[in-house]
Amino acid sequence: MRDRQKQGTKPVGMFEVIITRRKRFGWRWQVCQSGKIFADGFERTRPSAKYHGERALFFLLSQAYLRNRSAAASED
């Protein structure tokens, strides 16, 4: 842990997709990291909520990768 702080990097929390039942109305999905919600939505079926939650997670991760890649390219 101390080595990371010396190098200027910080520990990164894990993202998670949470799917909860909303009584008779459907399913709510959320993409969270350390309690902070990054994306959320509502679907009628559980498979649909799972798909959209995982899709949002993939989108967040791909955007972070592209942002880091473009920043590295601009430093060259």
PDB file of N, CA and C in Angstrom:
ATOM      1  N   MET A   1       0.817  -1.189   0.000  1.00  0.00           N
ATOM      2  CA  MET A   1       0.000   0.000   0.000  1.00  0.00           C
ATOM      3  C   MET A   1       0.864   1.256   0.000  1.00  0.00           C
ATOM      4  N   ARG A   2       1.901   1.249   0.809  1.00  0.00           N
ATOM      5  CA  ARG A   2       2.769   2.418   0.881  1.00  0.00           C
ATOM      6  C   ARG A   2       3.521   2.635  -0.431  1.00  0.00           C
ATOM      7  N   ASP A   3       3.881   1.536  -1.097  1.00  0.00           N
ATOM      8  CA  ASP A   3       4.585   1.660  -2.373  1.00  0.00           C
ATOM      9  C   ASP A   3       3.711   2.365  -3.398  1.00  0.00           C
ATOM     10  N   ARG A   4       2.434   2.051  -3.411  1.00  0.00           N
ATOM     11  CA  ARG A   4       1.514   2.702  -4.356  1.00  0.00           C
ATOM     12  C   ARG A   4       1.420   4.194  -4.080  1.00  0.00           C
ATOM     13  N   GLN A   5       1.350   4.563  -2.803  1.00  0.00           N
ATOM     14  CA  GLN A   5       1.232   5.973  -2.461  1.00  0.00           C
ATOM     15  C   GLN A   5       2.508   6.718  -2.822  1.00  0.00           C
ATOM     16  N   LYS A   6       3.642   6.072  -2.708  1.00  0.00           N
ATOM     17  CA  LYS A   6       4.902   6.710  -3.075  1.00  0.00           C
ATOM     18  C   LYS A   6       4.976   6.959  -4.580  1.00  0.00           C
ATOM     19  N   GLN A   7       4.395   6.045  -5.363  1.00  0.00           N
ATOM     20  CA  GLN A   7       4.439   6.170  -6.813  1.00  0.00           C
ATOM     21  C   GLN A   7       3.354   7.100  -7.342  1.00  0.00           C
ATOM     22  N   GLY A   8       2.459   7.576  -6.481  1.00  0.00           N
ATOM     23  CA  GLY A   8       1.430   8.499  -6.928  1.00  0.00           C
ATOM     24  C   GLY A   8       0.159   7.823  -7.421  1.00  0.00           C
ATOM     25  N   THR A   9       0.042   6.517  -7.259  1.00  0.00           N
ATOM     26  CA  THR A   9      -1.187   5.841  -7.647  1.00  0.00           C
ATOM     27  C   THR A   9      -2.054   5.640  -6.414  1.00  0.00           C
ATOM     28  N   LYS A  10      -3.355   5.525  -6.638  1.00  0.00           N
ATOM     29  CA  LYS A  10      -4.252   5.312  -5.518  1.00  0.00           C
ATOM     30  C   LYS A  10      -5.043   4.026  -5.735  1.00  0.00           C
ATOM     31  N   PRO A  11      -5.422   3.356  -4.657  1.00  0.00           N
ATOM     32  CA  PRO A  11      -6.194   2.125  -4.803  1.00  0.00           C
ATOM     33  C   PRO A  11      -7.558   2.412  -5.445  1.00  0.00           C
ATOM     34  N   VAL A  12      -7.997   1.492  -6.272  1.00  0.00           N
ATOM     35  CA  VAL A  12      -9.257   1.666  -6.993  1.00  0.00           C
ATOM     36  C   VAL A  12     -10.267   0.672  -6.451  1.00  0.00           C
ATOM     37  N   GLY A  13     -11.484   1.149  -6.164  1.00  0.00           N
ATOM     38  CA  GLY A  13     -12.549   0.275  -5.688  1.00  0.00           C
ATOM     39  C   GLY A  13     -13.135  -0.529  -6.833  1.00  0.00           C
ATOM     40  N   MET A  14     -13.842  -1.566  -6.482  1.00  0.00           N
ATOM     41  CA  MET A  14     -14.474  -2.435  -7.471  1.00  0.00           C
ATOM     42  C   MET A  14     -15.855  -1.905  -7.835  1.00  0.00           C
ATOM     43  N   PHE A  15     -16.205  -2.015  -9.100  1.00  0.00           N
ATOM     44  CA  PHE A  15     -17.568  -1.720  -9.535  1.00  0.00           C
ATOM     45  C   PHE A  15     -18.419  -2.958  -9.301  1.00  0.00           C
ATOM     46  N   GLU A  16     -19.694  -2.758  -9.026  1.00  0.00           N
ATOM     47  CA  GLU A  16     -20.608  -3.882  -8.902  1.00  0.00           C
ATOM     48  C   GLU A  16     -21.952  -3.521  -9.510  1.00  0.00           C
ATOM     49  N   VAL A  17     -22.613  -4.532 -10.055  1.00  0.00           N
ATOM     50  CA  VAL A  17     -23.955  -4.368 -10.606  1.00  0.00           C
ATOM     51  C   VAL A  17     -24.921  -4.955  -9.587  1.00  0.00           C
ATOM     52  N   ILE A  18     -25.853  -4.136  -9.131  1.00  0.00           N
ATOM     53  CA  ILE A  18     -26.841  -4.570  -8.144  1.00  0.00           C
ATOM     54  C   ILE A  18     -28.209  -4.596  -8.813  1.00  0.00           C
ATOM     55  N   ILE A  19     -28.892  -5.721  -8.674  1.00  0.00           N
ATOM     56  CA  ILE A  19     -30.239  -5.877  -9.238  1.00  0.00           C
ATOM     57  C   ILE A  19     -31.196  -6.138  -8.086  1.00  0.00           C
ATOM     58  N   THR A  20     -32.235  -5.313  -7.971  1.00  0.00           N
ATOM     59  CA  THR A  20     -33.205  -5.474  -6.891  1.00  0.00           C
ATOM     60  C   THR A  20     -34.624  -5.550  -7.440  1.00  0.00           C
ATOM     61  N   ARG A  21     -35.439  -6.352  -6.797  1.00  0.00           N
ATOM     62  CA  ARG A  21     -36.840  -6.520  -7.178  1.00  0.00           C
ATOM     63  C   ARG A  21     -37.638  -5.328  -6.667  1.00  0.00           C
ATOM     64  N   ARG A  22     -38.485  -4.761  -7.501  1.00  0.00           N
ATOM     65  CA  ARG A  22     -39.319  -3.630  -7.124  1.00  0.00           C
ATOM     66  C   ARG A  22     -40.777  -4.065  -7.095  1.00  0.00           C
ATOM     67  N   LYS A  23     -41.120  -4.846  -6.104  1.00  0.00           N
ATOM     68  CA  LYS A  23     -42.465  -5.399  -5.908  1.00  0.00           C
ATOM     69  C   LYS A  23     -43.013  -5.971  -7.202  1.00  0.00           C
ATOM     70  N   ARG A  24     -44.135  -5.534  -7.645  1.00  0.00           N
ATOM     71  CA  ARG A  24     -44.733  -6.108  -8.858  1.00  0.00           C
ATOM     72  C   ARG A  24     -44.412  -5.311 -10.116  1.00  0.00           C
ATOM     73  N   PHE A  25     -43.630  -4.256  -9.969  1.00  0.00           N
ATOM     74  CA  PHE A  25     -43.401  -3.356 -11.096  1.00  0.00           C
ATOM     75  C   PHE A  25     -42.214  -3.724 -11.973  1.00  0.00           C
ATOM     76  N   GLY A  26     -41.286  -4.510 -11.464  1.00  0.00           N
ATOM     77  CA  GLY A  26     -40.131  -4.881 -12.282  1.00  0.00           C
ATOM     78  C   GLY A  26     -38.848  -4.943 -11.473  1.00  0.00           C
ATOM     79  N   TRP A  27     -37.743  -4.662 -12.140  1.00  0.00           N
ATOM     80  CA  TRP A  27     -36.414  -4.791 -11.558  1.00  0.00           C
ATOM     81  C   TRP A  27     -35.617  -3.508 -11.743  1.00  0.00           C
ATOM     82  N   ARG A  28     -34.878  -3.113 -10.712  1.00  0.00           N
ATOM     83  CA  ARG A  28     -34.009  -1.934 -10.782  1.00  0.00           C
ATOM     84  C   ARG A  28     -32.558  -2.410 -10.801  1.00  0.00           C
ATOM     85  N   TRP A  29     -31.752  -1.815 -11.667  1.00  0.00           N
ATOM     86  CA  TRP A  29     -30.325  -2.153 -11.697  1.00  0.00           C
ATOM     87  C   TRP A  29     -29.516  -0.895 -11.405  1.00  0.00           C
ATOM     88  N   GLN A  30     -28.360  -1.088 -10.774  1.00  0.00           N
ATOM     89  CA  GLN A  30     -27.455   0.008 -10.450  1.00  0.00           C
ATOM     90  C   GLN A  30     -26.014  -0.449 -10.632  1.00  0.00           C
ATOM     91  N   VAL A  31     -25.190   0.439 -11.118  1.00  0.00           N
ATOM     92  CA  VAL A  31     -23.748   0.197 -11.169  1.00  0.00           C
ATOM     93  C   VAL A  31     -23.133   1.122 -10.121  1.00  0.00           C
ATOM     94  N   CYS A  32     -22.517   0.509  -9.100  1.00  0.00           N
ATOM     95  CA  CYS A  32     -21.998   1.256  -7.947  1.00  0.00           C
ATOM     96  C   CYS A  32     -20.515   0.989  -7.743  1.00  0.00           C
ATOM     97  N   GLN A  33     -19.891   1.934  -7.058  1.00  0.00           N
ATOM     98  CA  GLN A  33     -18.513   1.757  -6.603  1.00  0.00           C
ATOM     99  C   GLN A  33     -18.411   2.437  -5.247  1.00  0.00           C
ATOM    100  N   SER A  34     -18.148   1.666  -4.213  1.00  0.00           N
ATOM    101  CA  SER A  34     -18.028   2.172  -2.841  1.00  0.00           C
ATOM    102  C   SER A  34     -19.253   2.987  -2.423  1.00  0.00           C
ATOM    103  N   GLY A  35     -20.438   2.528  -2.793  1.00  0.00           N
ATOM    104  CA  GLY A  35     -21.673   3.192  -2.409  1.00  0.00           C
ATOM    105  C   GLY A  35     -22.111   4.327  -3.324  1.00  0.00           C
ATOM    106  N   LYS A  36     -21.273   4.735  -4.247  1.00  0.00           N
ATOM    107  CA  LYS A  36     -21.614   5.810  -5.182  1.00  0.00           C
ATOM    108  C   LYS A  36     -22.223   5.203  -6.438  1.00  0.00           C
ATOM    109  N   ILE A  37     -23.383   5.692  -6.849  1.00  0.00           N
ATOM    110  CA  ILE A  37     -24.076   5.157  -8.019  1.00  0.00           C
ATOM    111  C   ILE A  37     -23.592   5.880  -9.273  1.00  0.00           C
ATOM    112  N   PHE A  38     -23.119   5.112 -10.248  1.00  0.00           N
ATOM    113  CA  PHE A  38     -22.648   5.673 -11.505  1.00  0.00           C
ATOM    114  C   PHE A  38     -23.692   5.575 -12.608  1.00  0.00           C
ATOM    115  N   ALA A  39     -24.536   4.557 -12.536  1.00  0.00           N
ATOM    116  CA  ALA A  39     -25.592   4.384 -13.530  1.00  0.00           C
ATOM    117  C   ALA A  39     -26.708   3.574 -12.890  1.00  0.00           C
ATOM    118  N   ASP A  40     -27.932   3.833 -13.321  1.00  0.00           N
ATOM    119  CA  ASP A  40     -29.053   3.047 -12.820  1.00  0.00           C
ATOM    120  C   ASP A  40     -30.181   3.054 -13.840  1.00  0.00           C
ATOM    121  N   GLY A  41     -31.089   2.125 -13.657  1.00  0.00           N
ATOM    122  CA  GLY A  41     -32.205   2.029 -14.572  1.00  0.00           C
ATOM    123  C   GLY A  41     -33.258   1.066 -14.053  1.00  0.00           C
ATOM    124  N   PHE A  42     -34.315   0.914 -14.819  1.00  0.00           N
ATOM    125  CA  PHE A  42     -35.448   0.090 -14.431  1.00  0.00           C
ATOM    126  C   PHE A  42     -35.904  -0.723 -15.636  1.00  0.00           C
ATOM    127  N   GLU A  43     -36.113  -2.011 -15.419  1.00  0.00           N
ATOM    128  CA  GLU A  43     -36.558  -2.900 -16.495  1.00  0.00           C
ATOM    129  C   GLU A  43     -37.710  -3.760 -15.996  1.00  0.00           C
ATOM    130  N   ARG A  44     -38.476  -4.306 -16.921  1.00  0.00           N
ATOM    131  CA  ARG A  44     -39.618  -5.144 -16.554  1.00  0.00           C
ATOM    132  C   ARG A  44     -39.231  -6.565 -16.179  1.00  0.00           C
ATOM    133  N   THR A  45     -38.163  -7.110 -16.759  1.00  0.00           N
ATOM    134  CA  THR A  45     -37.757  -8.481 -16.467  1.00  0.00           C
ATOM    135  C   THR A  45     -36.346  -8.500 -15.877  1.00  0.00           C
ATOM    136  N   ARG A  46     -36.062  -9.544 -15.093  1.00  0.00           N
ATOM    137  CA  ARG A  46     -34.743  -9.670 -14.480  1.00  0.00           C
ATOM    138  C   ARG A  46     -33.638  -9.861 -15.518  1.00  0.00           C
ATOM    139  N   PRO A  47     -33.826 -10.723 -16.526  1.00  0.00           N
ATOM    140  CA  PRO A  47     -32.761 -10.847 -17.540  1.00  0.00           C
ATOM    141  C   PRO A  47     -32.465  -9.525 -18.249  1.00  0.00           C
ATOM    142  N   SER A  48     -33.490  -8.741 -18.486  1.00  0.00           N
ATOM    143  CA  SER A  48     -33.283  -7.449 -19.130  1.00  0.00           C
ATOM    144  C   SER A  48     -32.517  -6.495 -18.210  1.00  0.00           C
ATOM    145  N   ALA A  49     -32.857  -6.498 -16.923  1.00  0.00           N
ATOM    146  CA  ALA A  49     -32.143  -5.654 -15.959  1.00  0.00           C
ATOM    147  C   ALA A  49     -30.682  -6.075 -15.847  1.00  0.00           C
ATOM    148  N   LYS A  50     -30.442  -7.373 -15.828  1.00  0.00           N
ATOM    149  CA  LYS A  50     -29.068  -7.888 -15.764  1.00  0.00           C
ATOM    150  C   LYS A  50     -28.283  -7.458 -17.005  1.00  0.00           C
ATOM    151  N   TYR A  51     -28.899  -7.581 -18.175  1.00  0.00           N
ATOM    152  CA  TYR A  51     -28.243  -7.186 -19.415  1.00  0.00           C
ATOM    153  C   TYR A  51     -27.890  -5.698 -19.407  1.00  0.00           C
ATOM    154  N   HIS A  52     -28.845  -4.857 -19.055  1.00  0.00           N
ATOM    155  CA  HIS A  52     -28.610  -3.405 -19.094  1.00  0.00           C
ATOM    156  C   HIS A  52     -27.597  -2.969 -18.025  1.00  0.00           C
ATOM    157  N   GLY A  53     -27.627  -3.608 -16.857  1.00  0.00           N
ATOM    158  CA  GLY A  53     -26.646  -3.287 -15.820  1.00  0.00           C
ATOM    159  C   GLY A  53     -25.237  -3.652 -16.242  1.00  0.00           C
ATOM    160  N   GLU A  54     -25.078  -4.845 -16.809  1.00  0.00           N
ATOM    161  CA  GLU A  54     -23.755  -5.264 -17.269  1.00  0.00           C
ATOM    162  C   GLU A  54     -23.299  -4.460 -18.478  1.00  0.00           C
ATOM    163  N   ARG A  55     -24.224  -4.053 -19.308  1.00  0.00           N
ATOM    164  CA  ARG A  55     -23.895  -3.207 -20.462  1.00  0.00           C
ATOM    165  C   ARG A  55     -23.380  -1.843 -19.993  1.00  0.00           C
ATOM    166  N   ALA A  56     -24.037  -1.274 -18.975  1.00  0.00           N
ATOM    167  CA  ALA A  56     -23.597   0.010 -18.421  1.00  0.00           C
ATOM    168  C   ALA A  56     -22.214  -0.123 -17.788  1.00  0.00           C
ATOM    169  N   LEU A  57     -21.970  -1.225 -17.091  1.00  0.00           N
ATOM    170  CA  LEU A  57     -20.656  -1.463 -16.497  1.00  0.00           C
ATOM    171  C   LEU A  57     -19.581  -1.554 -17.580  1.00  0.00           C
ATOM    172  N   PHE A  58     -19.853  -2.283 -18.631  1.00  0.00           N
ATOM    173  CA  PHE A  58     -18.901  -2.404 -19.737  1.00  0.00           C
ATOM    174  C   PHE A  58     -18.631  -1.037 -20.355  1.00  0.00           C
ATOM    175  N   PHE A  59     -19.670  -0.238 -20.537  1.00  0.00           N
ATOM    176  CA  PHE A  59     -19.506   1.096 -21.116  1.00  0.00           C
ATOM    177  C   PHE A  59     -18.620   1.972 -20.227  1.00  0.00           C
ATOM    178  N   LEU A  60     -18.853   1.945 -18.916  1.00  0.00           N
ATOM    179  CA  LEU A  60     -18.015   2.723 -18.000  1.00  0.00           C
ATOM    180  C   LEU A  60     -16.553   2.303 -18.078  1.00  0.00           C
ATOM    181  N   LEU A  61     -16.316   0.994 -18.078  1.00  0.00           N
ATOM    182  CA  LEU A  61     -14.936   0.499 -18.137  1.00  0.00           C
ATOM    183  C   LEU A  61     -14.277   0.818 -19.472  1.00  0.00           C
ATOM    184  N   SER A  62     -15.018   0.714 -20.561  1.00  0.00           N
ATOM    185  CA  SER A  62     -14.425   0.995 -21.870  1.00  0.00           C
ATOM    186  C   SER A  62     -14.105   2.478 -22.015  1.00  0.00           C
ATOM    187  N   GLN A  63     -14.934   3.344 -21.460  1.00  0.00           N
ATOM    188  CA  GLN A  63     -14.662   4.782 -21.536  1.00  0.00           C
ATOM    189  C   GLN A  63     -13.427   5.142 -20.723  1.00  0.00           C
ATOM    190  N   ALA A  64     -13.246   4.506 -19.565  1.00  0.00           N
ATOM    191  CA  ALA A  64     -12.049   4.769 -18.756  1.00  0.00           C
ATOM    192  C   ALA A  64     -10.800   4.316 -19.504  1.00  0.00           C
ATOM    193  N   TYR A  65     -10.873   3.167 -20.171  1.00  0.00           N
ATOM    194  CA  TYR A  65      -9.736   2.672 -20.946  1.00  0.00           C
ATOM    195  C   TYR A  65      -9.405   3.637 -22.084  1.00  0.00           C
ATOM    196  N   LEU A  66     -10.427   4.084 -22.810  1.00  0.00           N
ATOM    197  CA  LEU A  66     -10.191   4.984 -23.932  1.00  0.00           C
ATOM    198  C   LEU A  66      -9.644   6.332 -23.450  1.00  0.00           C
ATOM    199  N   ARG A  67     -10.118   6.795 -22.316  1.00  0.00           N
ATOM    200  CA  ARG A  67      -9.645   8.067 -21.771  1.00  0.00           C
ATOM    201  C   ARG A  67      -8.171   7.950 -21.386  1.00  0.00           C
ATOM    202  N   ASN A  68      -7.800   6.834 -20.727  1.00  0.00           N
ATOM    203  CA  ASN A  68      -6.392   6.627 -20.337  1.00  0.00           C
ATOM    204  C   ASN A  68      -5.504   6.462 -21.564  1.00  0.00           C
ATOM    205  N   ARG A  69      -6.014   5.802 -22.573  1.00  0.00           N
ATOM    206  CA  ARG A  69      -5.247   5.577 -23.796  1.00  0.00           C
ATOM    207  C   ARG A  69      -4.985   6.886 -24.527  1.00  0.00           C
ATOM    208  N   SER A  70      -5.999   7.744 -24.625  1.00  0.00           N
ATOM    209  CA  SER A  70      -5.811   9.013 -25.319  1.00  0.00           C
ATOM    210  C   SER A  70      -4.901   9.950 -24.521  1.00  0.00           C
ATOM    211  N   ALA A  71      -4.952   9.890 -23.200  1.00  0.00           N
ATOM    212  CA  ALA A  71      -4.074  10.707 -22.369  1.00  0.00           C
ATOM    213  C   ALA A  71      -2.626  10.260 -22.535  1.00  0.00           C
ATOM    214  N   ALA A  72      -2.395   8.959 -22.625  1.00  0.00           N
ATOM    215  CA  ALA A  72      -1.044   8.441 -22.825  1.00  0.00           C
ATOM    216  C   ALA A  72      -0.511   8.832 -24.198  1.00  0.00           C
ATOM    217  N   ALA A  73      -1.357   8.841 -25.200  1.00  0.00           N
ATOM    218  CA  ALA A  73      -0.941   9.204 -26.550  1.00  0.00           C
ATOM    219  C   ALA A  73      -0.592  10.691 -26.635  1.00  0.00           C
ATOM    220  N   SER A  74      -1.298  11.530 -25.887  1.00  0.00           N
ATOM    221  CA  SER A  74      -1.021  12.968 -25.944  1.00  0.00           C
ATOM    222  C   SER A  74       0.276  13.326 -25.209  1.00  0.00           C
ATOM    223  N   GLU A  75       0.726  12.456 -24.300  1.00  0.00           N
ATOM    224  CA  GLU A  75       1.984  12.717 -23.596  1.00  0.00           C
ATOM    225  C   GLU A  75       3.193  12.449 -24.481  1.00  0.00           C
ATOM    226  N   ASP A  76       3.035  11.615 -25.509  1.00  0.00           N
ATOM    227  CA  ASP A  76       4.173  11.261 -26.382  1.00  0.00           C
ATOM    228  C   ASP A  76       4.621  12.395 -27.235  1.00  0.00           C
TER     229      ASP A  76
END
